């Protein structure tokens, strides 16, 4: 791992950690389904950062399972946060129409 990659991962971990911490604080204060979905997206995104870092450092390998030559683990942690964000926005849109 090069120094520039290390700086990028540390920045992602610190800022993602702050976002995840604040998301958990908001989660404890709300039961709104749109917010819960948004928080889920943030938390899955942070886990994705950790998995990506571990994969880059060789701590985990995901060569066994691939979808269109992309690691299944990487694919899952790339798609799930956006699925949560989409659900959050759809819930908010549907709620605002009524």
PDB file of N, CA and C in Angstrom:
ATOM      1  N   UNK A   1       0.853  -1.175   0.000  1.00  0.00           N
ATOM      2  CA  UNK A   1       0.000   0.000   0.000  1.00  0.00           C
ATOM      3  C   UNK A   1       0.901   1.242   0.000  1.00  0.00           C
ATOM      4  N   UNK A   2       0.618   2.160  -0.880  1.00  0.00           N
ATOM      5  CA  UNK A   2       1.396   3.386  -1.009  1.00  0.00           C
ATOM      6  C   UNK A   2       0.926   4.412   0.014  1.00  0.00           C
ATOM      7  N   UNK A   3       1.769   5.418   0.245  1.00  0.00           N
ATOM      8  CA  UNK A   3       1.441   6.463   1.228  1.00  0.00           C
ATOM      9  C   UNK A   3       0.162   7.206   0.858  1.00  0.00           C
ATOM     10  N   UNK A   4      -0.038   7.475  -0.436  1.00  0.00           N
ATOM     11  CA  UNK A   4      -1.252   8.197  -0.840  1.00  0.00           C
ATOM     12  C   UNK A   4      -2.498   7.371  -0.560  1.00  0.00           C
ATOM     13  N   UNK A   5      -2.421   6.044  -0.773  1.00  0.00           N
ATOM     14  CA  UNK A   5      -3.556   5.175  -0.451  1.00  0.00           C
ATOM     15  C   UNK A   5      -3.809   5.143   1.044  1.00  0.00           C
ATOM     16  N   UNK A   6      -2.731   5.110   1.823  1.00  0.00           N
ATOM     17  CA  UNK A   6      -2.859   5.084   3.277  1.00  0.00           C
ATOM     18  C   UNK A   6      -3.524   6.350   3.791  1.00  0.00           C
ATOM     19  N   UNK A   7      -3.108   7.504   3.267  1.00  0.00           N
ATOM     20  CA  UNK A   7      -3.716   8.781   3.668  1.00  0.00           C
ATOM     21  C   UNK A   7      -5.196   8.790   3.305  1.00  0.00           C
ATOM     22  N   UNK A   8      -5.531   8.288   2.117  1.00  0.00           N
ATOM     23  CA  UNK A   8      -6.924   8.234   1.690  1.00  0.00           C
ATOM     24  C   UNK A   8      -7.748   7.328   2.600  1.00  0.00           C
ATOM     25  N   UNK A   9      -7.224   6.141   2.930  1.00  0.00           N
ATOM     26  CA  UNK A   9      -7.956   5.234   3.819  1.00  0.00           C
ATOM     27  C   UNK A   9      -8.116   5.816   5.213  1.00  0.00           C
ATOM     28  N   UNK A  10      -7.079   6.452   5.735  1.00  0.00           N
ATOM     29  CA  UNK A  10      -7.180   7.052   7.068  1.00  0.00           C
ATOM     30  C   UNK A  10      -8.229   8.162   7.067  1.00  0.00           C
ATOM     31  N   UNK A  11      -8.232   8.972   6.013  1.00  0.00           N
ATOM     32  CA  UNK A  11      -9.233  10.038   5.907  1.00  0.00           C
ATOM     33  C   UNK A  11     -10.639   9.463   5.837  1.00  0.00           C
ATOM     34  N   UNK A  12     -10.820   8.425   5.019  1.00  0.00           N
ATOM     35  CA  UNK A  12     -12.132   7.779   4.915  1.00  0.00           C
ATOM     36  C   UNK A  12     -12.548   7.171   6.249  1.00  0.00           C
ATOM     37  N   UNK A  13     -11.609   6.520   6.932  1.00  0.00           N
ATOM     38  CA  UNK A  13     -11.937   5.895   8.219  1.00  0.00           C
ATOM     39  C   UNK A  13     -12.322   6.930   9.270  1.00  0.00           C
ATOM     40  N   UNK A  14     -11.590   8.020   9.332  1.00  0.00           N
ATOM     41  CA  UNK A  14     -11.885   9.049  10.337  1.00  0.00           C
ATOM     42  C   UNK A  14     -13.222   9.717  10.039  1.00  0.00           C
ATOM     43  N   UNK A  15     -13.395  10.213   8.809  1.00  0.00           N
ATOM     44  CA  UNK A  15     -14.650  10.897   8.476  1.00  0.00           C
ATOM     45  C   UNK A  15     -15.833   9.935   8.469  1.00  0.00           C
ATOM     46  N   UNK A  16     -15.617   8.732   7.956  1.00  0.00           N
ATOM     47  CA  UNK A  16     -16.680   7.723   7.989  1.00  0.00           C
ATOM     48  C   UNK A  16     -17.038   7.318   9.397  1.00  0.00           C
ATOM     49  N   UNK A  17     -16.028   7.239  10.263  1.00  0.00           N
ATOM     50  CA  UNK A  17     -16.275   6.913  11.672  1.00  0.00           C
ATOM     51  C   UNK A  17     -17.092   7.984  12.368  1.00  0.00           C
ATOM     52  N   UNK A  18     -16.779   9.246  12.081  1.00  0.00           N
ATOM     53  CA  UNK A  18     -17.568  10.347  12.651  1.00  0.00           C
ATOM     54  C   UNK A  18     -19.002  10.282  12.149  1.00  0.00           C
ATOM     55  N   UNK A  19     -19.172  10.054  10.843  1.00  0.00           N
ATOM     56  CA  UNK A  19     -20.522   9.961  10.273  1.00  0.00           C
ATOM     57  C   UNK A  19     -21.285   8.784  10.875  1.00  0.00           C
ATOM     58  N   UNK A  20     -20.625   7.638  11.026  1.00  0.00           N
ATOM     59  CA  UNK A  20     -21.283   6.459  11.607  1.00  0.00           C
ATOM     60  C   UNK A  20     -21.658   6.713  13.067  1.00  0.00           C
ATOM     61  N   UNK A  21     -20.778   7.349  13.822  1.00  0.00           N
ATOM     62  CA  UNK A  21     -21.061   7.661  15.221  1.00  0.00           C
ATOM     63  C   UNK A  21     -22.269   8.588  15.334  1.00  0.00           C
ATOM     64  N   UNK A  22     -22.280   9.650  14.528  1.00  0.00           N
ATOM     65  CA  UNK A  22     -23.411  10.574  14.554  1.00  0.00           C
ATOM     66  C   UNK A  22     -24.699   9.901  14.075  1.00  0.00           C
ATOM     67  N   UNK A  23     -24.569   8.999  13.099  1.00  0.00           N
ATOM     68  CA  UNK A  23     -25.743   8.264  12.622  1.00  0.00           C
ATOM     69  C   UNK A  23     -26.341   7.416  13.734  1.00  0.00           C
ATOM     70  N   UNK A  24     -25.485   6.774  14.526  1.00  0.00           N
ATOM     71  CA  UNK A  24     -25.979   5.960  15.644  1.00  0.00           C
ATOM     72  C   UNK A  24     -26.653   6.845  16.691  1.00  0.00           C
ATOM     73  N   UNK A  25     -26.103   8.036  16.922  1.00  0.00           N
ATOM     74  CA  UNK A  25     -26.750   8.963  17.860  1.00  0.00           C
ATOM     75  C   UNK A  25     -28.140   9.366  17.366  1.00  0.00           C
ATOM     76  N   UNK A  26     -28.267   9.663  16.074  1.00  0.00           N
ATOM     77  CA  UNK A  26     -29.574  10.029  15.508  1.00  0.00           C
ATOM     78  C   UNK A  26     -30.518   8.844  15.580  1.00  0.00           C
ATOM     79  N   UNK A  27     -29.995   7.635  15.320  1.00  0.00           N
ATOM     80  CA  UNK A  27     -30.804   6.426  15.348  1.00  0.00           C
ATOM     81  C   UNK A  27     -31.449   6.239  16.719  1.00  0.00           C
ATOM     82  N   UNK A  28     -30.711   6.539  17.775  1.00  0.00           N
ATOM     83  CA  UNK A  28     -31.260   6.365  19.118  1.00  0.00           C
ATOM     84  C   UNK A  28     -32.335   7.395  19.440  1.00  0.00           C
ATOM     85  N   UNK A  29     -32.408   8.471  18.665  1.00  0.00           N
ATOM     86  CA  UNK A  29     -33.378   9.543  18.935  1.00  0.00           C
ATOM     87  C   UNK A  29     -34.595   9.506  18.020  1.00  0.00           C
ATOM     88  N   UNK A  30     -34.573   8.665  16.977  1.00  0.00           N
ATOM     89  CA  UNK A  30     -35.684   8.669  16.021  1.00  0.00           C
ATOM     90  C   UNK A  30     -36.175   7.261  15.743  1.00  0.00           C
ATOM     91  N   UNK A  31     -37.405   7.174  15.348  1.00  0.00           N
ATOM     92  CA  UNK A  31     -37.989   5.910  14.891  1.00  0.00           C
ATOM     93  C   UNK A  31     -38.595   6.104  13.504  1.00  0.00           C
ATOM     94  N   UNK A  32     -38.208   7.174  12.840  1.00  0.00           N
ATOM     95  CA  UNK A  32     -38.687   7.491  11.498  1.00  0.00           C
ATOM     96  C   UNK A  32     -38.038   6.543  10.496  1.00  0.00           C
ATOM     97  N   UNK A  33     -38.846   5.864   9.701  1.00  0.00           N
ATOM     98  CA  UNK A  33     -38.331   4.852   8.781  1.00  0.00           C
ATOM     99  C   UNK A  33     -37.396   5.438   7.720  1.00  0.00           C
ATOM    100  N   UNK A  34     -37.654   6.644   7.253  1.00  0.00           N
ATOM    101  CA  UNK A  34     -36.760   7.266   6.273  1.00  0.00           C
ATOM    102  C   UNK A  34     -35.386   7.513   6.887  1.00  0.00           C
ATOM    103  N   UNK A  35     -35.354   8.015   8.102  1.00  0.00           N
ATOM    104  CA  UNK A  35     -34.079   8.241   8.777  1.00  0.00           C
ATOM    105  C   UNK A  35     -33.363   6.928   9.060  1.00  0.00           C
ATOM    106  N   UNK A  36     -34.105   5.909   9.446  1.00  0.00           N
ATOM    107  CA  UNK A  36     -33.498   4.598   9.731  1.00  0.00           C
ATOM    108  C   UNK A  36     -32.829   4.054   8.476  1.00  0.00           C
ATOM    109  N   UNK A  37     -33.483   4.176   7.323  1.00  0.00           N
ATOM    110  CA  UNK A  37     -32.888   3.718   6.064  1.00  0.00           C
ATOM    111  C   UNK A  37     -31.645   4.524   5.722  1.00  0.00           C
ATOM    112  N   UNK A  38     -31.691   5.826   5.913  1.00  0.00           N
ATOM    113  CA  UNK A  38     -30.541   6.672   5.634  1.00  0.00           C
ATOM    114  C   UNK A  38     -29.362   6.297   6.541  1.00  0.00           C
ATOM    115  N   UNK A  39     -29.656   6.057   7.802  1.00  0.00           N
ATOM    116  CA  UNK A  39     -28.632   5.657   8.771  1.00  0.00           C
ATOM    117  C   UNK A  39     -28.049   4.296   8.380  1.00  0.00           C
ATOM    118  N   UNK A  40     -28.896   3.384   7.954  1.00  0.00           N
ATOM    119  CA  UNK A  40     -28.418   2.076   7.493  1.00  0.00           C
ATOM    120  C   UNK A  40     -27.450   2.213   6.335  1.00  0.00           C
ATOM    121  N   UNK A  41     -27.744   3.122   5.424  1.00  0.00           N
ATOM    122  CA  UNK A  41     -26.839   3.377   4.304  1.00  0.00           C
ATOM    123  C   UNK A  41     -25.488   3.882   4.758  1.00  0.00           C
ATOM    124  N   UNK A  42     -25.491   4.780   5.726  1.00  0.00           N
ATOM    125  CA  UNK A  42     -24.231   5.318   6.256  1.00  0.00           C
ATOM    126  C   UNK A  42     -23.427   4.220   6.944  1.00  0.00           C
ATOM    127  N   UNK A  43     -24.091   3.403   7.744  1.00  0.00           N
ATOM    128  CA  UNK A  43     -23.385   2.342   8.460  1.00  0.00           C
ATOM    129  C   UNK A  43     -22.819   1.294   7.499  1.00  0.00           C
ATOM    130  N   UNK A  44     -23.603   0.886   6.499  1.00  0.00           N
ATOM    131  CA  UNK A  44     -23.098  -0.074   5.513  1.00  0.00           C
ATOM    132  C   UNK A  44     -21.959   0.528   4.701  1.00  0.00           C
ATOM    133  N   UNK A  45     -22.028   1.807   4.428  1.00  0.00           N
ATOM    134  CA  UNK A  45     -20.952   2.479   3.705  1.00  0.00           C
ATOM    135  C   UNK A  45     -19.658   2.434   4.511  1.00  0.00           C
ATOM    136  N   UNK A  46     -19.752   2.653   5.810  1.00  0.00           N
ATOM    137  CA  UNK A  46     -18.568   2.611   6.668  1.00  0.00           C
ATOM    138  C   UNK A  46     -17.984   1.198   6.732  1.00  0.00           C
ATOM    139  N   UNK A  47     -18.845   0.209   6.841  1.00  0.00           N
ATOM    140  CA  UNK A  47     -18.360  -1.176   6.827  1.00  0.00           C
ATOM    141  C   UNK A  47     -17.681  -1.473   5.490  1.00  0.00           C
ATOM    142  N   UNK A  48     -18.223  -0.931   4.414  1.00  0.00           N
ATOM    143  CA  UNK A  48     -17.610  -1.098   3.105  1.00  0.00           C
ATOM    144  C   UNK A  48     -16.212  -0.505   3.048  1.00  0.00           C
ATOM    145  N   UNK A  49     -16.001   0.642   3.690  1.00  0.00           N
ATOM    146  CA  UNK A  49     -14.672   1.253   3.755  1.00  0.00           C
ATOM    147  C   UNK A  49     -13.706   0.319   4.480  1.00  0.00           C
ATOM    148  N   UNK A  50     -14.157  -0.243   5.583  1.00  0.00           N
ATOM    149  CA  UNK A  50     -13.308  -1.150   6.361  1.00  0.00           C
ATOM    150  C   UNK A  50     -12.980  -2.401   5.553  1.00  0.00           C
ATOM    151  N   UNK A  51     -13.974  -2.988   4.894  1.00  0.00           N
ATOM    152  CA  UNK A  51     -13.753  -4.185   4.079  1.00  0.00           C
ATOM    153  C   UNK A  51     -12.806  -3.879   2.928  1.00  0.00           C
ATOM    154  N   UNK A  52     -12.980  -2.740   2.286  1.00  0.00           N
ATOM    155  CA  UNK A  52     -12.111  -2.349   1.178  1.00  0.00           C
ATOM    156  C   UNK A  52     -10.667  -2.177   1.653  1.00  0.00           C
ATOM    157  N   UNK A  53     -10.485  -1.575   2.813  1.00  0.00           N
ATOM    158  CA  UNK A  53      -9.154  -1.402   3.368  1.00  0.00           C
ATOM    159  C   UNK A  53      -8.521  -2.750   3.694  1.00  0.00           C
ATOM    160  N   UNK A  54      -9.280  -3.631   4.315  1.00  0.00           N
ATOM    161  CA  UNK A  54      -8.759  -4.952   4.658  1.00  0.00           C
ATOM    162  C   UNK A  54      -8.408  -5.739   3.399  1.00  0.00           C
ATOM    163  N   UNK A  55      -9.205  -5.581   2.361  1.00  0.00           N
ATOM    164  CA  UNK A  55      -8.934  -6.253   1.093  1.00  0.00           C
ATOM    165  C   UNK A  55      -7.655  -5.706   0.470  1.00  0.00           C
ATOM    166  N   UNK A  56      -7.458  -4.386   0.488  1.00  0.00           N
ATOM    167  CA  UNK A  56      -6.259  -3.765  -0.073  1.00  0.00           C
ATOM    168  C   UNK A  56      -4.996  -4.157   0.684  1.00  0.00           C
ATOM    169  N   UNK A  57      -5.135  -4.396   1.979  1.00  0.00           N
ATOM    170  CA  UNK A  57      -3.985  -4.764   2.797  1.00  0.00           C
ATOM    171  C   UNK A  57      -3.721  -6.267   2.769  1.00  0.00           C
ATOM    172  N   UNK A  58      -4.591  -7.020   2.111  1.00  0.00           N
ATOM    173  CA  UNK A  58      -4.409  -8.461   2.021  1.00  0.00           C
ATOM    174  C   UNK A  58      -4.899  -9.231   3.227  1.00  0.00           C
ATOM    175  N   UNK A  59      -5.641  -8.578   4.103  1.00  0.00           N
ATOM    176  CA  UNK A  59      -6.156  -9.247   5.303  1.00  0.00           C
ATOM    177  C   UNK A  59      -7.295 -10.194   4.970  1.00  0.00           C
ATOM    178  N   UNK A  60      -8.065  -9.847   3.951  1.00  0.00           N
ATOM    179  CA  UNK A  60      -9.128 -10.731   3.468  1.00  0.00           C
ATOM    180  C   UNK A  60      -8.990 -10.846   1.956  1.00  0.00           C
ATOM    181  N   UNK A  61      -9.380 -11.987   1.463  1.00  0.00           N
ATOM    182  CA  UNK A  61      -9.378 -12.182   0.011  1.00  0.00           C
ATOM    183  C   UNK A  61     -10.794 -12.521  -0.419  1.00  0.00           C
ATOM    184  N   UNK A  62     -11.153 -12.004  -1.547  1.00  0.00           N
ATOM    185  CA  UNK A  62     -12.505 -12.269  -2.052  1.00  0.00           C
ATOM    186  C   UNK A  62     -12.428 -12.681  -3.518  1.00  0.00           C
ATOM    187  N   UNK A  63     -11.380 -13.423  -3.845  1.00  0.00           N
ATOM    188  CA  UNK A  63     -11.195 -13.855  -5.220  1.00  0.00           C
ATOM    189  C   UNK A  63     -12.096 -15.027  -5.582  1.00  0.00           C
ATOM    190  N   UNK A  64     -12.605 -15.737  -4.594  1.00  0.00           N
ATOM    191  CA  UNK A  64     -13.379 -16.948  -4.850  1.00  0.00           C
ATOM    192  C   UNK A  64     -14.737 -16.645  -5.476  1.00  0.00           C
ATOM    193  N   UNK A  65     -15.420 -15.648  -4.966  1.00  0.00           N
ATOM    194  CA  UNK A  65     -16.760 -15.322  -5.448  1.00  0.00           C
ATOM    195  C   UNK A  65     -16.721 -14.010  -6.214  1.00  0.00           C
ATOM    196  N   UNK A  66     -17.055 -14.085  -7.496  1.00  0.00           N
ATOM    197  CA  UNK A  66     -17.035 -12.891  -8.335  1.00  0.00           C
ATOM    198  C   UNK A  66     -18.306 -12.810  -9.163  1.00  0.00           C
ATOM    199  N   UNK A  67     -18.710 -11.587  -9.446  1.00  0.00           N
ATOM    200  CA  UNK A  67     -19.838 -11.316 -10.335  1.00  0.00           C
ATOM    201  C   UNK A  67     -19.306 -10.380 -11.412  1.00  0.00           C
ATOM    202  N   UNK A  68     -19.297 -10.846 -12.657  1.00  0.00           N
ATOM    203  CA  UNK A  68     -18.766 -10.064 -13.774  1.00  0.00           C
ATOM    204  C   UNK A  68     -17.365  -9.544 -13.471  1.00  0.00           C
ATOM    205  N   UNK A  69     -16.537 -10.419 -12.918  1.00  0.00           N
ATOM    206  CA  UNK A  69     -15.136 -10.142 -12.590  1.00  0.00           C
ATOM    207  C   UNK A  69     -14.961  -9.090 -11.490  1.00  0.00           C
ATOM    208  N   UNK A  70     -16.011  -8.865 -10.699  1.00  0.00           N
ATOM    209  CA  UNK A  70     -15.935  -7.960  -9.551  1.00  0.00           C
ATOM    210  C   UNK A  70     -16.182  -8.800  -8.304  1.00  0.00           C
ATOM    211  N   UNK A  71     -15.395  -8.570  -7.272  1.00  0.00           N
ATOM    212  CA  UNK A  71     -15.555  -9.292  -6.015  1.00  0.00           C
ATOM    213  C   UNK A  71     -16.967  -9.117  -5.466  1.00  0.00           C
ATOM    214  N   UNK A  72     -17.580 -10.223  -5.065  1.00  0.00           N
ATOM    215  CA  UNK A  72     -18.943 -10.171  -4.522  1.00  0.00           C
ATOM    216  C   UNK A  72     -19.000  -9.307  -3.268  1.00  0.00           C
ATOM    217  N   UNK A  73     -17.971  -9.396  -2.437  1.00  0.00           N
ATOM    218  CA  UNK A  73     -17.933  -8.599  -1.210  1.00  0.00           C
ATOM    219  C   UNK A  73     -17.909  -7.105  -1.530  1.00  0.00           C
ATOM    220  N   UNK A  74     -17.091  -6.715  -2.485  1.00  0.00           N
ATOM    221  CA  UNK A  74     -17.025  -5.311  -2.904  1.00  0.00           C
ATOM    222  C   UNK A  74     -18.347  -4.878  -3.506  1.00  0.00           C
ATOM    223  N   UNK A  75     -18.929  -5.723  -4.320  1.00  0.00           N
ATOM    224  CA  UNK A  75     -20.205  -5.411  -4.968  1.00  0.00           C
ATOM    225  C   UNK A  75     -21.313  -5.198  -3.942  1.00  0.00           C
ATOM    226  N   UNK A  76     -21.375  -6.081  -2.953  1.00  0.00           N
ATOM    227  CA  UNK A  76     -22.421  -5.981  -1.923  1.00  0.00           C
ATOM    228  C   UNK A  76     -22.296  -4.673  -1.145  1.00  0.00           C
ATOM    229  N   UNK A  77     -21.064  -4.341  -0.709  1.00  0.00           N
ATOM    230  CA  UNK A  77     -20.899  -3.138   0.094  1.00  0.00           C
ATOM    231  C   UNK A  77     -20.883  -1.867  -0.740  1.00  0.00           C
ATOM    232  N   UNK A  78     -20.953  -1.991  -2.053  1.00  0.00           N
ATOM    233  CA  UNK A  78     -21.141  -0.833  -2.917  1.00  0.00           C
ATOM    234  C   UNK A  78     -22.617  -0.597  -3.183  1.00  0.00           C
ATOM    235  N   UNK A  79     -23.380  -1.668  -3.340  1.00  0.00           N
ATOM    236  CA  UNK A  79     -24.797  -1.569  -3.703  1.00  0.00           C
ATOM    237  C   UNK A  79     -25.703  -1.295  -2.508  1.00  0.00           C
ATOM    238  N   UNK A  80     -25.472  -1.968  -1.398  1.00  0.00           N
ATOM    239  CA  UNK A  80     -26.389  -1.879  -0.247  1.00  0.00           C
ATOM    240  C   UNK A  80     -26.567  -0.453   0.279  1.00  0.00           C
ATOM    241  N   UNK A  81     -25.499   0.340   0.455  1.00  0.00           N
ATOM    242  CA  UNK A  81     -25.743   1.713   0.940  1.00  0.00           C
ATOM    243  C   UNK A  81     -26.671   2.498   0.014  1.00  0.00           C
ATOM    244  N   UNK A  82     -26.462   2.368  -1.301  1.00  0.00           N
ATOM    245  CA  UNK A  82     -27.328   3.092  -2.236  1.00  0.00           C
ATOM    246  C   UNK A  82     -28.757   2.577  -2.194  1.00  0.00           C
ATOM    247  N   UNK A  83     -28.938   1.290  -1.969  1.00  0.00           N
ATOM    248  CA  UNK A  83     -30.294   0.739  -1.837  1.00  0.00           C
ATOM    249  C   UNK A  83     -30.989   1.357  -0.617  1.00  0.00           C
ATOM    250  N   UNK A  84     -30.261   1.509   0.481  1.00  0.00           N
ATOM    251  CA  UNK A  84     -30.823   2.152   1.673  1.00  0.00           C
ATOM    252  C   UNK A  84     -31.151   3.620   1.412  1.00  0.00           C
ATOM    253  N   UNK A  85     -30.261   4.334   0.713  1.00  0.00           N
ATOM    254  CA  UNK A  85     -30.519   5.744   0.398  1.00  0.00           C
ATOM    255  C   UNK A  85     -31.755   5.883  -0.491  1.00  0.00           C
ATOM    256  N   UNK A  86     -31.870   5.014  -1.488  1.00  0.00           N
ATOM    257  CA  UNK A  86     -33.036   5.042  -2.378  1.00  0.00           C
ATOM    258  C   UNK A  86     -34.313   4.802  -1.581  1.00  0.00           C
ATOM    259  N   UNK A  87     -34.278   3.812  -0.681  1.00  0.00           N
ATOM    260  CA  UNK A  87     -35.452   3.522   0.146  1.00  0.00           C
ATOM    261  C   UNK A  87     -35.807   4.723   1.018  1.00  0.00           C
ATOM    262  N   UNK A  88     -34.796   5.369   1.604  1.00  0.00           N
ATOM    263  CA  UNK A  88     -35.042   6.536   2.462  1.00  0.00           C
ATOM    264  C   UNK A  88     -35.709   7.655   1.678  1.00  0.00           C
ATOM    265  N   UNK A  89     -35.196   7.936   0.484  1.00  0.00           N
ATOM    266  CA  UNK A  89     -35.772   9.014  -0.322  1.00  0.00           C
ATOM    267  C   UNK A  89     -37.169   8.662  -0.808  1.00  0.00           C
ATOM    268  N   UNK A  90     -37.396   7.406  -1.177  1.00  0.00           N
ATOM    269  CA  UNK A  90     -38.739   6.996  -1.617  1.00  0.00           C
ATOM    270  C   UNK A  90     -39.751   7.115  -0.475  1.00  0.00           C
ATOM    271  N   UNK A  91     -39.356   6.706   0.714  1.00  0.00           N
ATOM    272  CA  UNK A  91     -40.244   6.843   1.880  1.00  0.00           C
ATOM    273  C   UNK A  91     -40.564   8.301   2.124  1.00  0.00           C
ATOM    274  N   UNK A  92     -39.549   9.157   2.070  1.00  0.00           N
ATOM    275  CA  UNK A  92     -39.766  10.590   2.297  1.00  0.00           C
ATOM    276  C   UNK A  92     -40.662  11.196   1.213  1.00  0.00           C
ATOM    277  N   UNK A  93     -40.475  10.805  -0.027  1.00  0.00           N
ATOM    278  CA  UNK A  93     -41.311  11.313  -1.134  1.00  0.00           C
ATOM    279  C   UNK A  93     -42.741  10.854  -0.976  1.00  0.00           C
ATOM    280  N   UNK A  94     -42.932   9.575  -0.690  1.00  0.00           N
ATOM    281  CA  UNK A  94     -44.299   9.044  -0.524  1.00  0.00           C
ATOM    282  C   UNK A  94     -44.995   9.701   0.653  1.00  0.00           C
ATOM    283  N   UNK A  95     -44.272   9.961   1.712  1.00  0.00           N
ATOM    284  CA  UNK A  95     -44.862  10.600   2.882  1.00  0.00           C
ATOM    285  C   UNK A  95     -45.241  12.042   2.599  1.00  0.00           C
ATOM    286  N   UNK A  96     -44.458  12.735   1.793  1.00  0.00           N
ATOM    287  CA  UNK A  96     -44.730  14.160   1.535  1.00  0.00           C
ATOM    288  C   UNK A  96     -45.911  14.350   0.588  1.00  0.00           C
ATOM    289  N   UNK A  97     -46.270  13.317  -0.157  1.00  0.00           N
ATOM    290  CA  UNK A  97     -47.404  13.411  -1.081  1.00  0.00           C
ATOM    291  C   UNK A  97     -48.749  13.299  -0.372  1.00  0.00           C
ATOM    292  N   UNK A  98     -48.754  12.781   0.817  1.00  0.00           N
ATOM    293  CA  UNK A  98     -50.031  12.561   1.518  1.00  0.00           C
ATOM    294  C   UNK A  98     -50.314  13.656   2.457  1.00  0.00           C
TER     295      UNK A  98
END
